[in-house]
Amino acid sequence: MSVKVTGLDNVLNNLQKLADNAKKLDGTHNVSFSELFTEAFMSKHTNQSSIEDFISEGGFVVNSAEDFKAIPDEEFDIHVKNNSDFDSWKEMYTKASKEYVIAKMKDGLQ
């Protein structure tokens, strides 16, 4: 008895696309806050729809990367804990990074 397997072209194409996407993600990349903290992510995990609104809701003024780095970790962690699903900025950043990578891996899949 023989079995005819069909539909593997789509699977093989998706596997190749995953491999291509993984190669694109390899290494270090500069990703903007708005790419990392999408509207969907922010709306799901906070009471704001943008990372900019979330930051300013905490009373922080950020006009540059240096401004953001100057925010005391403890103060920002308190803001994150009180206004999101996360206990710390590191936890929020890690979750957003993972979701970003997953989305990029899925780009172009059928």
N, C-alpha and C. Protein backbone atom coordinates (compact mmCIF):
# COMPACT_ATOMS: atom_id res chain seq x y z
N MET A 1 0.85 -1.16 0.00
CA MET A 1 0.00 0.00 0.00
C MET A 1 0.91 1.24 0.00
N SER A 2 0.53 2.19 -0.79
CA SER A 2 1.29 3.44 -0.83
C SER A 2 0.39 4.60 -0.42
N VAL A 3 1.04 5.62 0.08
CA VAL A 3 0.32 6.80 0.52
C VAL A 3 0.87 7.99 -0.26
N LYS A 4 -0.03 8.78 -0.79
CA LYS A 4 0.38 9.98 -1.50
C LYS A 4 0.29 11.18 -0.55
N VAL A 5 1.41 11.83 -0.36
CA VAL A 5 1.47 13.00 0.52
C VAL A 5 1.46 14.24 -0.37
N THR A 6 0.53 15.14 -0.09
CA THR A 6 0.43 16.37 -0.88
C THR A 6 0.49 17.56 0.05
N GLY A 7 0.73 18.71 -0.53
CA GLY A 7 0.70 19.95 0.24
C GLY A 7 2.01 20.29 0.94
N LEU A 8 3.06 19.54 0.64
CA LEU A 8 4.34 19.81 1.30
C LEU A 8 5.02 21.06 0.78
N ASP A 9 4.66 21.51 -0.41
CA ASP A 9 5.29 22.72 -0.95
C ASP A 9 5.10 23.90 0.00
N ASN A 10 3.91 24.05 0.53
CA ASN A 10 3.63 25.15 1.45
C ASN A 10 4.45 25.02 2.73
N VAL A 11 4.56 23.80 3.24
CA VAL A 11 5.35 23.56 4.45
C VAL A 11 6.82 23.87 4.20
N LEU A 12 7.34 23.40 3.08
CA LEU A 12 8.74 23.64 2.75
C LEU A 12 9.00 25.13 2.54
N ASN A 13 8.08 25.81 1.89
CA ASN A 13 8.23 27.26 1.70
C ASN A 13 8.25 27.99 3.04
N ASN A 14 7.38 27.58 3.95
CA ASN A 14 7.34 28.21 5.28
C ASN A 14 8.62 27.93 6.07
N LEU A 15 9.14 26.71 5.96
CA LEU A 15 10.39 26.40 6.64
C LEU A 15 11.54 27.25 6.09
N GLN A 16 11.56 27.43 4.79
CA GLN A 16 12.61 28.26 4.19
C GLN A 16 12.45 29.71 4.63
N LYS A 17 11.20 30.18 4.69
CA LYS A 17 10.96 31.56 5.13
C LYS A 17 11.38 31.75 6.59
N LEU A 18 11.09 30.76 7.43
CA LEU A 18 11.54 30.82 8.83
C LEU A 18 13.05 30.91 8.91
N ALA A 19 13.74 30.10 8.12
CA ALA A 19 15.20 30.13 8.10
C ALA A 19 15.71 31.49 7.64
N ASP A 20 15.10 32.03 6.59
CA ASP A 20 15.49 33.35 6.09
C ASP A 20 15.25 34.43 7.15
N ASN A 21 14.10 34.37 7.81
CA ASN A 21 13.77 35.35 8.85
C ASN A 21 14.74 35.25 10.02
N ALA A 22 15.12 34.04 10.39
CA ALA A 22 16.08 33.85 11.48
C ALA A 22 17.42 34.47 11.12
N LYS A 23 17.86 34.30 9.88
CA LYS A 23 19.12 34.90 9.44
C LYS A 23 19.06 36.43 9.53
N LYS A 24 17.92 37.01 9.17
CA LYS A 24 17.76 38.46 9.23
C LYS A 24 17.84 38.96 10.68
N LEU A 25 17.36 38.16 11.62
CA LEU A 25 17.34 38.56 13.03
C LEU A 25 18.67 38.33 13.73
N ASP A 26 19.54 37.54 13.13
CA ASP A 26 20.82 37.22 13.76
C ASP A 26 21.64 38.50 13.95
N GLY A 27 22.27 38.61 15.09
CA GLY A 27 23.13 39.76 15.35
C GLY A 27 22.43 40.81 16.19
N THR A 28 23.00 42.00 16.16
CA THR A 28 22.49 43.12 16.94
C THR A 28 21.74 44.07 16.01
N HIS A 29 20.58 44.53 16.47
CA HIS A 29 19.75 45.43 15.67
C HIS A 29 19.29 46.61 16.52
N ASN A 30 19.15 47.75 15.88
CA ASN A 30 18.54 48.90 16.54
C ASN A 30 17.06 48.89 16.19
N VAL A 31 16.24 48.77 17.21
CA VAL A 31 14.79 48.72 17.03
C VAL A 31 14.20 49.87 17.83
N SER A 32 13.36 50.66 17.18
CA SER A 32 12.75 51.80 17.87
C SER A 32 11.75 51.32 18.93
N PHE A 33 11.53 52.17 19.92
CA PHE A 33 10.54 51.85 20.94
C PHE A 33 9.17 51.60 20.31
N SER A 34 8.80 52.37 19.30
CA SER A 34 7.48 52.19 18.71
C SER A 34 7.36 50.86 17.96
N GLU A 35 8.47 50.34 17.43
CA GLU A 35 8.45 49.01 16.80
C GLU A 35 8.37 47.92 17.86
N LEU A 36 9.08 48.11 18.94
CA LEU A 36 9.13 47.11 20.00
C LEU A 36 7.85 47.11 20.84
N PHE A 37 7.42 48.30 21.20
CA PHE A 37 6.21 48.45 22.03
C PHE A 37 5.07 48.91 21.13
N THR A 38 4.54 47.97 20.38
CA THR A 38 3.48 48.29 19.43
C THR A 38 2.21 48.75 20.15
N GLU A 39 1.32 49.35 19.39
CA GLU A 39 0.05 49.77 19.95
C GLU A 39 -0.70 48.58 20.54
N ALA A 40 -0.66 47.46 19.84
CA ALA A 40 -1.35 46.25 20.33
C ALA A 40 -0.74 45.79 21.67
N PHE A 41 0.59 45.79 21.75
CA PHE A 41 1.27 45.39 22.98
C PHE A 41 0.89 46.32 24.13
N MET A 42 1.00 47.62 23.87
CA MET A 42 0.72 48.60 24.93
C MET A 42 -0.73 48.54 25.37
N SER A 43 -1.64 48.42 24.44
CA SER A 43 -3.07 48.36 24.79
C SER A 43 -3.40 47.10 25.59
N LYS A 44 -2.72 46.02 25.27
CA LYS A 44 -2.97 44.76 25.97
C LYS A 44 -2.40 44.76 27.39
N HIS A 45 -1.24 45.38 27.57
CA HIS A 45 -0.53 45.26 28.84
C HIS A 45 -0.51 46.51 29.72
N THR A 46 -0.99 47.64 29.19
CA THR A 46 -1.00 48.88 29.96
C THR A 46 -2.32 49.61 29.74
N ASN A 47 -2.45 50.78 30.37
CA ASN A 47 -3.64 51.60 30.15
C ASN A 47 -3.37 52.68 29.10
N GLN A 48 -2.30 52.53 28.34
CA GLN A 48 -1.95 53.47 27.27
C GLN A 48 -1.80 52.71 25.95
N SER A 49 -1.91 53.45 24.84
CA SER A 49 -1.76 52.79 23.54
C SER A 49 -0.40 53.04 22.90
N SER A 50 0.46 53.82 23.56
CA SER A 50 1.81 54.04 23.02
C SER A 50 2.81 54.09 24.17
N ILE A 51 4.03 53.73 23.86
CA ILE A 51 5.09 53.78 24.87
C ILE A 51 5.35 55.22 25.29
N GLU A 52 5.22 56.15 24.34
CA GLU A 52 5.43 57.56 24.66
C GLU A 52 4.41 58.04 25.69
N ASP A 53 3.15 57.68 25.49
CA ASP A 53 2.10 58.07 26.45
C ASP A 53 2.32 57.39 27.80
N PHE A 54 2.75 56.15 27.76
CA PHE A 54 3.02 55.42 28.99
C PHE A 54 4.12 56.09 29.80
N ILE A 55 5.18 56.49 29.11
CA ILE A 55 6.30 57.16 29.79
C ILE A 55 5.86 58.50 30.37
N SER A 56 5.17 59.29 29.56
CA SER A 56 4.76 60.61 30.07
C SER A 56 3.69 60.50 31.14
N GLU A 57 2.88 59.45 31.13
CA GLU A 57 1.90 59.24 32.20
C GLU A 57 2.61 59.12 33.55
N GLY A 58 3.83 58.62 33.53
CA GLY A 58 4.59 58.48 34.77
C GLY A 58 5.27 59.77 35.20
N GLY A 59 5.07 60.84 34.44
CA GLY A 59 5.68 62.11 34.77
C GLY A 59 7.12 62.24 34.29
N PHE A 60 7.53 61.35 33.40
CA PHE A 60 8.88 61.38 32.88
C PHE A 60 8.91 62.14 31.56
N VAL A 61 9.89 62.99 31.39
CA VAL A 61 10.06 63.75 30.15
C VAL A 61 11.22 63.12 29.38
N VAL A 62 10.88 62.58 28.21
CA VAL A 62 11.89 61.89 27.42
C VAL A 62 11.87 62.45 26.00
N ASN A 63 12.96 63.10 25.64
CA ASN A 63 13.11 63.64 24.29
C ASN A 63 14.27 63.00 23.56
N SER A 64 14.98 62.10 24.25
CA SER A 64 16.14 61.44 23.65
C SER A 64 16.42 60.14 24.39
N ALA A 65 17.29 59.34 23.81
CA ALA A 65 17.70 58.11 24.47
C ALA A 65 18.39 58.41 25.80
N GLU A 66 19.13 59.50 25.81
CA GLU A 66 19.82 59.89 27.04
C GLU A 66 18.83 60.24 28.14
N ASP A 67 17.74 60.93 27.77
CA ASP A 67 16.70 61.25 28.75
C ASP A 67 16.13 59.98 29.36
N PHE A 68 15.86 58.99 28.51
CA PHE A 68 15.29 57.74 29.00
C PHE A 68 16.27 57.03 29.93
N LYS A 69 17.53 56.98 29.53
CA LYS A 69 18.55 56.33 30.36
C LYS A 69 18.72 57.02 31.71
N ALA A 70 18.41 58.32 31.76
CA ALA A 70 18.58 59.09 33.00
C ALA A 70 17.46 58.84 34.02
N ILE A 71 16.37 58.20 33.61
CA ILE A 71 15.29 57.91 34.54
C ILE A 71 15.80 56.89 35.56
N PRO A 72 15.67 57.18 36.84
CA PRO A 72 16.11 56.21 37.86
C PRO A 72 15.35 54.88 37.72
N ASP A 73 16.09 53.79 37.70
CA ASP A 73 15.49 52.46 37.52
C ASP A 73 14.37 52.19 38.51
N GLU A 74 14.60 52.54 39.75
CA GLU A 74 13.60 52.25 40.79
C GLU A 74 12.29 52.98 40.51
N GLU A 75 12.39 54.24 40.10
CA GLU A 75 11.18 55.03 39.82
C GLU A 75 10.42 54.45 38.62
N PHE A 76 11.16 54.06 37.58
CA PHE A 76 10.47 53.53 36.40
C PHE A 76 9.88 52.16 36.70
N ASP A 77 10.57 51.35 37.49
CA ASP A 77 10.02 50.05 37.87
C ASP A 77 8.71 50.21 38.63
N ILE A 78 8.64 51.21 39.51
CA ILE A 78 7.41 51.48 40.26
C ILE A 78 6.29 51.86 39.29
N HIS A 79 6.60 52.72 38.34
CA HIS A 79 5.60 53.12 37.35
C HIS A 79 5.12 51.91 36.55
N VAL A 80 6.05 51.09 36.11
CA VAL A 80 5.68 49.89 35.34
C VAL A 80 4.82 48.97 36.19
N LYS A 81 5.23 48.72 37.41
CA LYS A 81 4.48 47.82 38.29
C LYS A 81 3.06 48.33 38.55
N ASN A 82 2.91 49.64 38.73
CA ASN A 82 1.61 50.22 39.05
C ASN A 82 0.70 50.43 37.83
N ASN A 83 1.27 50.40 36.63
CA ASN A 83 0.48 50.77 35.45
C ASN A 83 0.58 49.78 34.29
N SER A 84 1.00 48.56 34.61
CA SER A 84 1.08 47.54 33.55
C SER A 84 0.89 46.16 34.15
N ASP A 85 0.97 45.16 33.31
CA ASP A 85 0.88 43.76 33.75
C ASP A 85 2.21 43.23 34.28
N PHE A 86 3.22 44.07 34.33
CA PHE A 86 4.57 43.63 34.65
C PHE A 86 5.04 44.15 36.00
N ASP A 87 5.98 43.42 36.58
CA ASP A 87 6.54 43.82 37.88
C ASP A 87 7.74 44.72 37.76
N SER A 88 8.33 44.82 36.55
CA SER A 88 9.51 45.65 36.37
C SER A 88 9.66 46.04 34.90
N TRP A 89 10.49 47.05 34.67
CA TRP A 89 10.81 47.47 33.30
C TRP A 89 11.50 46.33 32.55
N LYS A 90 12.39 45.63 33.22
CA LYS A 90 13.10 44.52 32.57
C LYS A 90 12.11 43.47 32.08
N GLU A 91 11.14 43.14 32.90
CA GLU A 91 10.13 42.15 32.52
C GLU A 91 9.30 42.64 31.33
N MET A 92 8.92 43.90 31.35
CA MET A 92 8.13 44.47 30.24
C MET A 92 8.95 44.49 28.95
N TYR A 93 10.19 44.93 29.05
CA TYR A 93 11.09 45.00 27.90
C TYR A 93 11.35 43.60 27.32
N THR A 94 11.57 42.63 28.18
CA THR A 94 11.82 41.26 27.74
C THR A 94 10.61 40.69 27.00
N LYS A 95 9.42 40.91 27.53
CA LYS A 95 8.20 40.42 26.89
C LYS A 95 8.00 41.07 25.52
N ALA A 96 8.21 42.37 25.44
CA ALA A 96 8.07 43.08 24.16
C ALA A 96 9.11 42.58 23.16
N SER A 97 10.31 42.32 23.62
CA SER A 97 11.37 41.82 22.73
C SER A 97 11.02 40.45 22.18
N LYS A 98 10.51 39.58 23.04
CA LYS A 98 10.11 38.24 22.60
C LYS A 98 8.99 38.32 21.57
N GLU A 99 8.00 39.17 21.83
CA GLU A 99 6.89 39.30 20.88
C GLU A 99 7.37 39.89 19.56
N TYR A 100 8.33 40.80 19.61
CA TYR A 100 8.90 41.38 18.39
C TYR A 100 9.58 40.29 17.55
N VAL A 101 10.40 39.47 18.20
CA VAL A 101 11.11 38.40 17.49
C VAL A 101 10.12 37.41 16.90
N ILE A 102 9.11 37.03 17.64
CA ILE A 102 8.10 36.08 17.13
C ILE A 102 7.41 36.67 15.91
N ALA A 103 7.04 37.93 15.98
CA ALA A 103 6.37 38.58 14.84
C ALA A 103 7.28 38.61 13.63
N LYS A 104 8.56 38.94 13.84
CA LYS A 104 9.51 38.99 12.73
C LYS A 104 9.75 37.60 12.15
N MET A 105 9.74 36.58 12.98
CA MET A 105 9.91 35.21 12.47
C MET A 105 8.72 34.79 11.61
N LYS A 106 7.55 35.29 11.93
CA LYS A 106 6.34 34.92 11.20
C LYS A 106 6.15 35.70 9.91
N ASP A 107 6.94 36.77 9.69
CA ASP A 107 6.79 37.60 8.48
C ASP A 107 6.81 36.74 7.23
N GLY A 108 5.77 36.86 6.44
CA GLY A 108 5.73 36.19 5.14
C GLY A 108 5.30 34.74 5.17
N LEU A 109 4.96 34.21 6.35
CA LEU A 109 4.51 32.81 6.39
C LEU A 109 3.09 32.70 5.84
N GLN A 110 2.83 31.56 5.26
CA GLN A 110 1.49 31.33 4.69
C GLN A 110 0.67 30.46 5.58
